[in-house]
Amino acid sequence: MGVALKATAKNIGTLPYMPGGTPLKVKLYIKKNNAWVEVDSKSVNVLAPGVETSMNYYTTYIKGKQKPPAFKLVVESKNAGVVNPDVNMSNNTKEAQAQ
C-alpha cells in the first residue's frame, strides 16, 4: 500500500521566525526498526506569521504484514538557543501514523 505524505510546518504565531545567522530547519522523520530516520529536511531563513513550508514524501508498506509507517515533523533553530524561536515548546514536534 502506498502512503503519500504532505508534511507542513506553519507559523501560527503573530511574530516571524527569524532564527538569525543559521536558517530554521524543518526535518521529516520516518520510524524504522524503532528508530527515527531523517528522510527530508528544509531550511527557511524567515517564516512570517501565517506562512507555511511543506515537504512531500512517498513510501509503501505491506498491509496486514507491516504496521503503517509513523512520521515525525520537527522544527529546529540552533541559533535561538531553543528548539524554535517562538519558545512555545509544545508545538516543536508532531507525530502521526498512516491509516
PDB file of N, CA and C in Angstrom:
ATOM      1  N   MET A   1       0.850  -1.166   0.000  1.00  0.00           N
ATOM      2  CA  MET A   1       0.000   0.000   0.000  1.00  0.00           C
ATOM      3  C   MET A   1       0.900   1.235   0.000  1.00  0.00           C
ATOM      4  N   GLY A   2       0.523   2.237  -0.743  1.00  0.00           N
ATOM      5  CA  GLY A   2       1.306   3.463  -0.807  1.00  0.00           C
ATOM      6  C   GLY A   2       0.799   4.522   0.159  1.00  0.00           C
ATOM      7  N   VAL A   3       1.735   5.298   0.680  1.00  0.00           N
ATOM      8  CA  VAL A   3       1.413   6.411   1.562  1.00  0.00           C
ATOM      9  C   VAL A   3       2.067   7.665   0.993  1.00  0.00           C
ATOM     10  N   ALA A   4       1.246   8.622   0.573  1.00  0.00           N
ATOM     11  CA  ALA A   4       1.743   9.906   0.078  1.00  0.00           C
ATOM     12  C   ALA A   4       1.514  10.935   1.179  1.00  0.00           C
ATOM     13  N   LEU A   5       2.591  11.451   1.727  1.00  0.00           N
ATOM     14  CA  LEU A   5       2.521  12.352   2.878  1.00  0.00           C
ATOM     15  C   LEU A   5       2.894  13.764   2.466  1.00  0.00           C
ATOM     16  N   LYS A   6       2.122  14.727   2.938  1.00  0.00           N
ATOM     17  CA  LYS A   6       2.498  16.129   2.821  1.00  0.00           C
ATOM     18  C   LYS A   6       2.641  16.639   4.253  1.00  0.00           C
ATOM     19  N   ALA A   7       3.879  16.923   4.647  1.00  0.00           N
ATOM     20  CA  ALA A   7       4.173  17.412   5.996  1.00  0.00           C
ATOM     21  C   ALA A   7       4.310  18.928   5.936  1.00  0.00           C
ATOM     22  N   THR A   8       3.568  19.636   6.778  1.00  0.00           N
ATOM     23  CA  THR A   8       3.541  21.093   6.742  1.00  0.00           C
ATOM     24  C   THR A   8       3.855  21.683   8.103  1.00  0.00           C
ATOM     25  N   ALA A   9       4.768  22.649   8.119  1.00  0.00           N
ATOM     26  CA  ALA A   9       5.069  23.433   9.319  1.00  0.00           C
ATOM     27  C   ALA A   9       4.570  24.844   9.048  1.00  0.00           C
ATOM     28  N   LYS A  10       3.742  25.372   9.957  1.00  0.00           N
ATOM     29  CA  LYS A  10       3.154  26.689   9.770  1.00  0.00           C
ATOM     30  C   LYS A  10       3.429  27.557  10.992  1.00  0.00           C
ATOM     31  N   ASN A  11       3.761  28.812  10.746  1.00  0.00           N
ATOM     32  CA  ASN A  11       3.934  29.777  11.839  1.00  0.00           C
ATOM     33  C   ASN A  11       2.541  30.248  12.248  1.00  0.00           C
ATOM     34  N   ILE A  12       2.060  29.747  13.387  1.00  0.00           N
ATOM     35  CA  ILE A  12       0.727  30.119  13.858  1.00  0.00           C
ATOM     36  C   ILE A  12       0.790  31.293  14.825  1.00  0.00           C
ATOM     37  N   GLY A  13       1.975  31.829  15.028  1.00  0.00           N
ATOM     38  CA  GLY A  13       2.145  32.964  15.929  1.00  0.00           C
ATOM     39  C   GLY A  13       1.893  34.297  15.252  1.00  0.00           C
ATOM     40  N   THR A  14       2.182  35.369  16.000  1.00  0.00           N
ATOM     41  CA  THR A  14       1.984  36.724  15.473  1.00  0.00           C
ATOM     42  C   THR A  14       3.299  37.383  15.098  1.00  0.00           C
ATOM     43  N   LEU A  15       4.412  36.729  15.377  1.00  0.00           N
ATOM     44  CA  LEU A  15       5.731  37.252  15.035  1.00  0.00           C
ATOM     45  C   LEU A  15       6.432  36.293  14.085  1.00  0.00           C
ATOM     46  N   PRO A  16       7.324  36.784  13.222  1.00  0.00           N
ATOM     47  CA  PRO A  16       8.033  35.886  12.300  1.00  0.00           C
ATOM     48  C   PRO A  16       9.104  35.077  13.024  1.00  0.00           C
ATOM     49  N   TYR A  17       9.343  33.849  12.521  1.00  0.00           N
ATOM     50  CA  TYR A  17      10.515  33.088  12.944  1.00  0.00           C
ATOM     51  C   TYR A  17      11.703  33.737  12.257  1.00  0.00           C
ATOM     52  N   MET A  18      12.622  34.263  13.012  1.00  0.00           N
ATOM     53  CA  MET A  18      13.837  34.870  12.463  1.00  0.00           C
ATOM     54  C   MET A  18      15.012  34.293  13.246  1.00  0.00           C
ATOM     55  N   PRO A  19      15.496  33.116  12.851  1.00  0.00           N
ATOM     56  CA  PRO A  19      16.472  32.411  13.662  1.00  0.00           C
ATOM     57  C   PRO A  19      17.853  33.047  13.726  1.00  0.00           C
ATOM     58  N   GLY A  20      18.147  34.011  12.901  1.00  0.00           N
ATOM     59  CA  GLY A  20      19.450  34.672  12.981  1.00  0.00           C
ATOM     60  C   GLY A  20      20.418  34.154  11.935  1.00  0.00           C
ATOM     61  N   GLY A  21      21.660  33.857  12.367  1.00  0.00           N
ATOM     62  CA  GLY A  21      22.745  33.503  11.455  1.00  0.00           C
ATOM     63  C   GLY A  21      22.579  32.211  10.688  1.00  0.00           C
ATOM     64  N   THR A  22      21.884  31.240  11.247  1.00  0.00           N
ATOM     65  CA  THR A  22      21.657  29.985  10.529  1.00  0.00           C
ATOM     66  C   THR A  22      20.159  29.798  10.316  1.00  0.00           C
ATOM     67  N   PRO A  23      19.766  29.196   9.211  1.00  0.00           N
ATOM     68  CA  PRO A  23      18.337  29.044   8.911  1.00  0.00           C
ATOM     69  C   PRO A  23      17.614  28.132   9.902  1.00  0.00           C
ATOM     70  N   LEU A  24      16.312  28.322   9.968  1.00  0.00           N
ATOM     71  CA  LEU A  24      15.419  27.444  10.704  1.00  0.00           C
ATOM     72  C   LEU A  24      15.358  26.131   9.933  1.00  0.00           C
ATOM     73  N   LYS A  25      15.491  25.006  10.614  1.00  0.00           N
ATOM     74  CA  LYS A  25      15.458  23.699   9.948  1.00  0.00           C
ATOM     75  C   LYS A  25      14.135  23.010  10.258  1.00  0.00           C
ATOM     76  N   VAL A  26      13.509  22.480   9.222  1.00  0.00           N
ATOM     77  CA  VAL A  26      12.316  21.661   9.357  1.00  0.00           C
ATOM     78  C   VAL A  26      12.713  20.279   8.871  1.00  0.00           C
ATOM     79  N   LYS A  27      12.568  19.276   9.734  1.00  0.00           N
ATOM     80  CA  LYS A  27      13.022  17.922   9.401  1.00  0.00           C
ATOM     81  C   LYS A  27      11.870  16.932   9.481  1.00  0.00           C
ATOM     82  N   LEU A  28      11.832  16.013   8.508  1.00  0.00           N
ATOM     83  CA  LEU A  28      10.836  14.963   8.465  1.00  0.00           C
ATOM     84  C   LEU A  28      11.517  13.620   8.721  1.00  0.00           C
ATOM     85  N   TYR A  29      10.934  12.850   9.638  1.00  0.00           N
ATOM     86  CA  TYR A  29      11.473  11.539  10.006  1.00  0.00           C
ATOM     87  C   TYR A  29      10.414  10.464   9.780  1.00  0.00           C
ATOM     88  N   ILE A  30      10.883   9.237   9.492  1.00  0.00           N
ATOM     89  CA  ILE A  30      10.021   8.057   9.454  1.00  0.00           C
ATOM     90  C   ILE A  30      10.585   7.075  10.477  1.00  0.00           C
ATOM     91  N   LYS A  31       9.701   6.337  11.136  1.00  0.00           N
ATOM     92  CA  LYS A  31      10.156   5.369  12.139  1.00  0.00           C
ATOM     93  C   LYS A  31      10.426   4.029  11.463  1.00  0.00           C
ATOM     94  N   LYS A  32      11.696   3.575  11.584  1.00  0.00           N
ATOM     95  CA  LYS A  32      12.108   2.281  11.028  1.00  0.00           C
ATOM     96  C   LYS A  32      12.859   1.516  12.099  1.00  0.00           C
ATOM     97  N   ASN A  33      12.433   0.287  12.356  1.00  0.00           N
ATOM     98  CA  ASN A  33      13.081  -0.560  13.367  1.00  0.00           C
ATOM     99  C   ASN A  33      13.196   0.153  14.708  1.00  0.00           C
ATOM    100  N   ASN A  34      12.105   0.814  15.135  1.00  0.00           N
ATOM    101  CA  ASN A  34      12.027   1.536  16.413  1.00  0.00           C
ATOM    102  C   ASN A  34      12.988   2.699  16.540  1.00  0.00           C
ATOM    103  N   ALA A  35      13.468   3.218  15.424  1.00  0.00           N
ATOM    104  CA  ALA A  35      14.355   4.395  15.451  1.00  0.00           C
ATOM    105  C   ALA A  35      13.853   5.402  14.426  1.00  0.00           C
ATOM    106  N   TRP A  36      14.003   6.687  14.740  1.00  0.00           N
ATOM    107  CA  TRP A  36      13.615   7.745  13.806  1.00  0.00           C
ATOM    108  C   TRP A  36      14.736   7.981  12.810  1.00  0.00           C
ATOM    109  N   VAL A  37      14.399   7.928  11.512  1.00  0.00           N
ATOM    110  CA  VAL A  37      15.355   8.113  10.428  1.00  0.00           C
ATOM    111  C   VAL A  37      14.924   9.353   9.632  1.00  0.00           C
ATOM    112  N   GLU A  38      15.829  10.318   9.473  1.00  0.00           N
ATOM    113  CA  GLU A  38      15.507  11.520   8.718  1.00  0.00           C
ATOM    114  C   GLU A  38      15.380  11.180   7.231  1.00  0.00           C
ATOM    115  N   VAL A  39      14.265  11.613   6.619  1.00  0.00           N
ATOM    116  CA  VAL A  39      14.045  11.334   5.204  1.00  0.00           C
ATOM    117  C   VAL A  39      14.017  12.603   4.351  1.00  0.00           C
ATOM    118  N   ASP A  40      13.848  13.756   4.978  1.00  0.00           N
ATOM    119  CA  ASP A  40      13.850  15.009   4.231  1.00  0.00           C
ATOM    120  C   ASP A  40      14.052  16.157   5.211  1.00  0.00           C
ATOM    121  N   SER A  41      14.572  17.263   4.697  1.00  0.00           N
ATOM    122  CA  SER A  41      14.709  18.463   5.527  1.00  0.00           C
ATOM    123  C   SER A  41      14.649  19.689   4.629  1.00  0.00           C
ATOM    124  N   LYS A  42      14.359  20.801   5.251  1.00  0.00           N
ATOM    125  CA  LYS A  42      14.235  22.057   4.523  1.00  0.00           C
ATOM    126  C   LYS A  42      14.759  23.164   5.418  1.00  0.00           C
ATOM    127  N   SER A  43      15.447  24.133   4.826  1.00  0.00           N
ATOM    128  CA  SER A  43      15.942  25.302   5.550  1.00  0.00           C
ATOM    129  C   SER A  43      15.096  26.509   5.183  1.00  0.00           C
ATOM    130  N   VAL A  44      14.752  27.309   6.204  1.00  0.00           N
ATOM    131  CA  VAL A  44      13.941  28.507   5.989  1.00  0.00           C
ATOM    132  C   VAL A  44      14.618  29.659   6.722  1.00  0.00           C
ATOM    133  N   ASN A  45      14.901  30.752   6.009  1.00  0.00           N
ATOM    134  CA  ASN A  45      15.549  31.903   6.646  1.00  0.00           C
ATOM    135  C   ASN A  45      14.596  32.699   7.517  1.00  0.00           C
ATOM    136  N   VAL A  46      13.387  32.956   7.041  1.00  0.00           N
ATOM    137  CA  VAL A  46      12.359  33.668   7.799  1.00  0.00           C
ATOM    138  C   VAL A  46      11.027  32.987   7.509  1.00  0.00           C
ATOM    139  N   LEU A  47      10.240  32.750   8.548  1.00  0.00           N
ATOM    140  CA  LEU A  47       8.905  32.200   8.370  1.00  0.00           C
ATOM    141  C   LEU A  47       7.932  33.198   8.992  1.00  0.00           C
ATOM    142  N   ALA A  48       7.314  33.987   8.146  1.00  0.00           N
ATOM    143  CA  ALA A  48       6.417  35.055   8.597  1.00  0.00           C
ATOM    144  C   ALA A  48       5.137  34.466   9.198  1.00  0.00           C
ATOM    145  N   PRO A  49       4.422  35.248  10.020  1.00  0.00           N
ATOM    146  CA  PRO A  49       3.163  34.764  10.593  1.00  0.00           C
ATOM    147  C   PRO A  49       2.195  34.300   9.508  1.00  0.00           C
ATOM    148  N   GLY A  50       1.598  33.140   9.711  1.00  0.00           N
ATOM    149  CA  GLY A  50       0.645  32.585   8.756  1.00  0.00           C
ATOM    150  C   GLY A  50       1.263  31.856   7.582  1.00  0.00           C
ATOM    151  N   VAL A  51       2.577  31.939   7.428  1.00  0.00           N
ATOM    152  CA  VAL A  51       3.253  31.295   6.298  1.00  0.00           C
ATOM    153  C   VAL A  51       3.603  29.858   6.680  1.00  0.00           C
ATOM    154  N   GLU A  52       3.544  28.979   5.700  1.00  0.00           N
ATOM    155  CA  GLU A  52       3.901  27.583   5.947  1.00  0.00           C
ATOM    156  C   GLU A  52       4.933  27.115   4.937  1.00  0.00           C
ATOM    157  N   THR A  53       5.626  26.065   5.308  1.00  0.00           N
ATOM    158  CA  THR A  53       6.555  25.396   4.415  1.00  0.00           C
ATOM    159  C   THR A  53       6.207  23.910   4.477  1.00  0.00           C
ATOM    160  N   SER A  54       6.324  23.208   3.356  1.00  0.00           N
ATOM    161  CA  SER A  54       5.918  21.804   3.356  1.00  0.00           C
ATOM    162  C   SER A  54       6.887  20.940   2.564  1.00  0.00           C
ATOM    163  N   MET A  55       6.804  19.644   2.823  1.00  0.00           N
ATOM    164  CA  MET A  55       7.602  18.636   2.144  1.00  0.00           C
ATOM    165  C   MET A  55       6.677  17.482   1.773  1.00  0.00           C
ATOM    166  N   ASN A  56       6.957  16.854   0.662  1.00  0.00           N
ATOM    167  CA  ASN A  56       6.206  15.677   0.240  1.00  0.00           C
ATOM    168  C   ASN A  56       7.100  14.454   0.359  1.00  0.00           C
ATOM    169  N   TYR A  57       6.498  13.330   0.773  1.00  0.00           N
ATOM    170  CA  TYR A  57       7.256  12.094   0.918  1.00  0.00           C
ATOM    171  C   TYR A  57       6.332  10.933   0.561  1.00  0.00           C
ATOM    172  N   TYR A  58       6.880   9.939  -0.117  1.00  0.00           N
ATOM    173  CA  TYR A  58       6.108   8.761  -0.505  1.00  0.00           C
ATOM    174  C   TYR A  58       6.817   7.505  -0.043  1.00  0.00           C
ATOM    175  N   THR A  59       6.070   6.574   0.540  1.00  0.00           N
ATOM    176  CA  THR A  59       6.622   5.285   0.948  1.00  0.00           C
ATOM    177  C   THR A  59       5.538   4.221   0.792  1.00  0.00           C
ATOM    178  N   THR A  60       5.940   2.970   0.892  1.00  0.00           N
ATOM    179  CA  THR A  60       4.991   1.861   0.797  1.00  0.00           C
ATOM    180  C   THR A  60       5.167   0.920   1.980  1.00  0.00           C
ATOM    181  N   TYR A  61       4.131   0.133   2.230  1.00  0.00           N
ATOM    182  CA  TYR A  61       4.205  -0.933   3.231  1.00  0.00           C
ATOM    183  C   TYR A  61       3.224  -2.019   2.828  1.00  0.00           C
ATOM    184  N   ILE A  62       3.387  -3.209   3.387  1.00  0.00           N
ATOM    185  CA  ILE A  62       2.528  -4.347   3.060  1.00  0.00           C
ATOM    186  C   ILE A  62       1.412  -4.407   4.102  1.00  0.00           C
ATOM    187  N   LYS A  63       0.210  -4.041   3.680  1.00  0.00           N
ATOM    188  CA  LYS A  63      -0.937  -4.015   4.587  1.00  0.00           C
ATOM    189  C   LYS A  63      -1.216  -5.423   5.100  1.00  0.00           C
ATOM    190  N   GLY A  64      -1.399  -5.525   6.411  1.00  0.00           N
ATOM    191  CA  GLY A  64      -1.657  -6.814   7.038  1.00  0.00           C
ATOM    192  C   GLY A  64      -0.396  -7.533   7.485  1.00  0.00           C
ATOM    193  N   LYS A  65       0.748  -7.178   6.925  1.00  0.00           N
ATOM    194  CA  LYS A  65       2.015  -7.797   7.314  1.00  0.00           C
ATOM    195  C   LYS A  65       2.940  -6.813   8.017  1.00  0.00           C
ATOM    196  N   GLN A  66       2.803  -5.535   7.702  1.00  0.00           N
ATOM    197  CA  GLN A  66       3.635  -4.499   8.314  1.00  0.00           C
ATOM    198  C   GLN A  66       2.733  -3.437   8.932  1.00  0.00           C
ATOM    199  N   LYS A  67       3.229  -2.803   9.974  1.00  0.00           N
ATOM    200  CA  LYS A  67       2.498  -1.687  10.562  1.00  0.00           C
ATOM    201  C   LYS A  67       2.536  -0.506   9.597  1.00  0.00           C
ATOM    202  N   PRO A  68       1.467   0.306   9.589  1.00  0.00           N
ATOM    203  CA  PRO A  68       1.535   1.533   8.794  1.00  0.00           C
ATOM    204  C   PRO A  68       2.692   2.401   9.299  1.00  0.00           C
ATOM    205  N   PRO A  69       3.356   3.125   8.414  1.00  0.00           N
ATOM    206  CA  PRO A  69       4.508   3.920   8.837  1.00  0.00           C
ATOM    207  C   PRO A  69       4.113   5.074   9.760  1.00  0.00           C
ATOM    208  N   ALA A  70       5.026   5.406  10.662  1.00  0.00           N
ATOM    209  CA  ALA A  70       4.856   6.551  11.566  1.00  0.00           C
ATOM    210  C   ALA A  70       5.832   7.638  11.133  1.00  0.00           C
ATOM    211  N   PHE A  71       5.395   8.882  11.248  1.00  0.00           N
ATOM    212  CA  PHE A  71       6.192  10.027  10.829  1.00  0.00           C
ATOM    213  C   PHE A  71       6.319  11.031  11.957  1.00  0.00           C
ATOM    214  N   LYS A  72       7.373  11.843  11.900  1.00  0.00           N
ATOM    215  CA  LYS A  72       7.575  12.916  12.869  1.00  0.00           C
ATOM    216  C   LYS A  72       8.124  14.127  12.120  1.00  0.00           C
ATOM    217  N   LEU A  73       7.530  15.289  12.368  1.00  0.00           N
ATOM    218  CA  LEU A  73       7.984  16.554  11.797  1.00  0.00           C
ATOM    219  C   LEU A  73       8.533  17.398  12.945  1.00  0.00           C
ATOM    220  N   VAL A  74       9.756  17.911  12.769  1.00  0.00           N
ATOM    221  CA  VAL A  74      10.429  18.660  13.826  1.00  0.00           C
ATOM    222  C   VAL A  74      10.903  20.005  13.282  1.00  0.00           C
ATOM    223  N   VAL A  75      10.682  21.066  14.066  1.00  0.00           N
ATOM    224  CA  VAL A  75      11.175  22.404  13.733  1.00  0.00           C
ATOM    225  C   VAL A  75      12.316  22.718  14.694  1.00  0.00           C
ATOM    226  N   GLU A  76      13.487  23.094  14.156  1.00  0.00           N
ATOM    227  CA  GLU A  76      14.666  23.365  14.982  1.00  0.00           C
ATOM    228  C   GLU A  76      15.289  24.701  14.621  1.00  0.00           C
ATOM    229  N   SER A  77      15.837  25.366  15.606  1.00  0.00           N
ATOM    230  CA  SER A  77      16.655  26.556  15.377  1.00  0.00           C
ATOM    231  C   SER A  77      17.817  26.508  16.350  1.00  0.00           C
ATOM    232  N   LYS A  78      19.008  26.280  15.843  1.00  0.00           N
ATOM    233  CA  LYS A  78      20.198  26.211  16.691  1.00  0.00           C
ATOM    234  C   LYS A  78      20.574  27.583  17.236  1.00  0.00           C
ATOM    235  N   ASN A  79      20.322  28.638  16.465  1.00  0.00           N
ATOM    236  CA  ASN A  79      20.738  29.990  16.829  1.00  0.00           C
ATOM    237  C   ASN A  79      20.024  30.567  18.032  1.00  0.00           C
ATOM    238  N   ALA A  80      18.729  30.275  18.154  1.00  0.00           N
ATOM    239  CA  ALA A  80      17.938  30.908  19.203  1.00  0.00           C
ATOM    240  C   ALA A  80      18.212  30.313  20.577  1.00  0.00           C
ATOM    241  N   GLY A  81      18.940  29.200  20.642  1.00  0.00           N
ATOM    242  CA  GLY A  81      19.201  28.560  21.921  1.00  0.00           C
ATOM    243  C   GLY A  81      18.028  27.735  22.420  1.00  0.00           C
ATOM    244  N   VAL A  82      16.978  27.690  21.632  1.00  0.00           N
ATOM    245  CA  VAL A  82      15.818  26.851  21.923  1.00  0.00           C
ATOM    246  C   VAL A  82      15.482  26.110  20.641  1.00  0.00           C
ATOM    247  N   VAL A  83      14.576  25.149  20.747  1.00  0.00           N
ATOM    248  CA  VAL A  83      14.262  24.343  19.574  1.00  0.00           C
ATOM    249  C   VAL A  83      13.636  25.183  18.464  1.00  0.00           C
ATOM    250  N   ASN A  84      12.782  26.133  18.799  1.00  0.00           N
ATOM    251  CA  ASN A  84      12.309  27.088  17.790  1.00  0.00           C
ATOM    252  C   ASN A  84      12.134  28.458  18.442  1.00  0.00           C
ATOM    253  N   PRO A  85      12.225  29.529  17.662  1.00  0.00           N
ATOM    254  CA  PRO A  85      12.300  30.870  18.208  1.00  0.00           C
ATOM    255  C   PRO A  85      11.062  31.378  18.935  1.00  0.00           C
ATOM    256  N   ASP A  86       9.902  30.754  18.775  1.00  0.00           N
ATOM    257  CA  ASP A  86       8.731  31.287  19.467  1.00  0.00           C
ATOM    258  C   ASP A  86       8.679  30.846  20.933  1.00  0.00           C
ATOM    259  N   VAL A  87       9.588  29.971  21.342  1.00  0.00           N
ATOM    260  CA  VAL A  87       9.724  29.463  22.711  1.00  0.00           C
ATOM    261  C   VAL A  87       8.457  28.732  23.177  1.00  0.00           C
ATOM    262  N   ASN A  88       7.587  28.360  22.264  1.00  0.00           N
ATOM    263  CA  ASN A  88       6.419  27.551  22.583  1.00  0.00           C
ATOM    264  C   ASN A  88       6.821  26.099  22.375  1.00  0.00           C
ATOM    265  N   MET A  89       7.278  25.457  23.430  1.00  0.00           N
ATOM    266  CA  MET A  89       7.858  24.126  23.297  1.00  0.00           C
ATOM    267  C   MET A  89       6.833  23.040  22.957  1.00  0.00           C
ATOM    268  N   SER A  90       5.535  23.326  23.092  1.00  0.00           N
ATOM    269  CA  SER A  90       4.537  22.300  22.817  1.00  0.00           C
ATOM    270  C   SER A  90       4.257  22.114  21.328  1.00  0.00           C
ATOM    271  N   ASN A  91       4.760  23.015  20.475  1.00  0.00           N
ATOM    272  CA  ASN A  91       4.464  22.882  19.041  1.00  0.00           C
ATOM    273  C   ASN A  91       5.702  22.641  18.191  1.00  0.00           C
ATOM    274  N   ASN A  92       6.761  22.115  18.776  1.00  0.00           N
ATOM    275  CA  ASN A  92       8.007  21.880  18.038  1.00  0.00           C
ATOM    276  C   ASN A  92       8.005  20.578  17.261  1.00  0.00           C
ATOM    277  N   THR A  93       7.236  19.596  17.723  1.00  0.00           N
ATOM    278  CA  THR A  93       7.256  18.272  17.117  1.00  0.00           C
ATOM    279  C   THR A  93       5.825  17.762  16.946  1.00  0.00           C
ATOM    280  N   LYS A  94       5.574  17.107  15.820  1.00  0.00           N
ATOM    281  CA  LYS A  94       4.272  16.498  15.568  1.00  0.00           C
ATOM    282  C   LYS A  94       4.516  15.102  15.059  1.00  0.00           C
ATOM    283  N   GLU A  95       3.874  14.098  15.687  1.00  0.00           N
ATOM    284  CA  GLU A  95       3.975  12.711  15.246  1.00  0.00           C
ATOM    285  C   GLU A  95       2.630  12.241  14.736  1.00  0.00           C
ATOM    286  N   ALA A  96       2.646  11.391  13.710  1.00  0.00           N
ATOM    287  CA  ALA A  96       1.411  10.823  13.160  1.00  0.00           C
ATOM    288  C   ALA A  96       1.716   9.471  12.530  1.00  0.00           C
ATOM    289  N   GLN A  97       0.687   8.618  12.495  1.00  0.00           N
ATOM    290  CA  GLN A  97       0.835   7.316  11.861  1.00  0.00           C
ATOM    291  C   GLN A  97      -0.138   7.232  10.704  1.00  0.00           C
ATOM    292  N   ALA A  98       0.315   6.644   9.591  1.00  0.00           N
ATOM    293  CA  ALA A  98      -0.545   6.465   8.428  1.00  0.00           C
ATOM    294  C   ALA A  98      -1.698   5.549   8.804  1.00  0.00           C
ATOM    295  N   GLN A  99      -2.822   5.763   8.196  1.00  0.00           N
ATOM    296  CA  GLN A  99      -4.028   4.948   8.482  1.00  0.00           C
ATOM    297  C   GLN A  99      -4.217   3.896   7.420  1.00  0.00           C
TER     298      GLN A  99
END
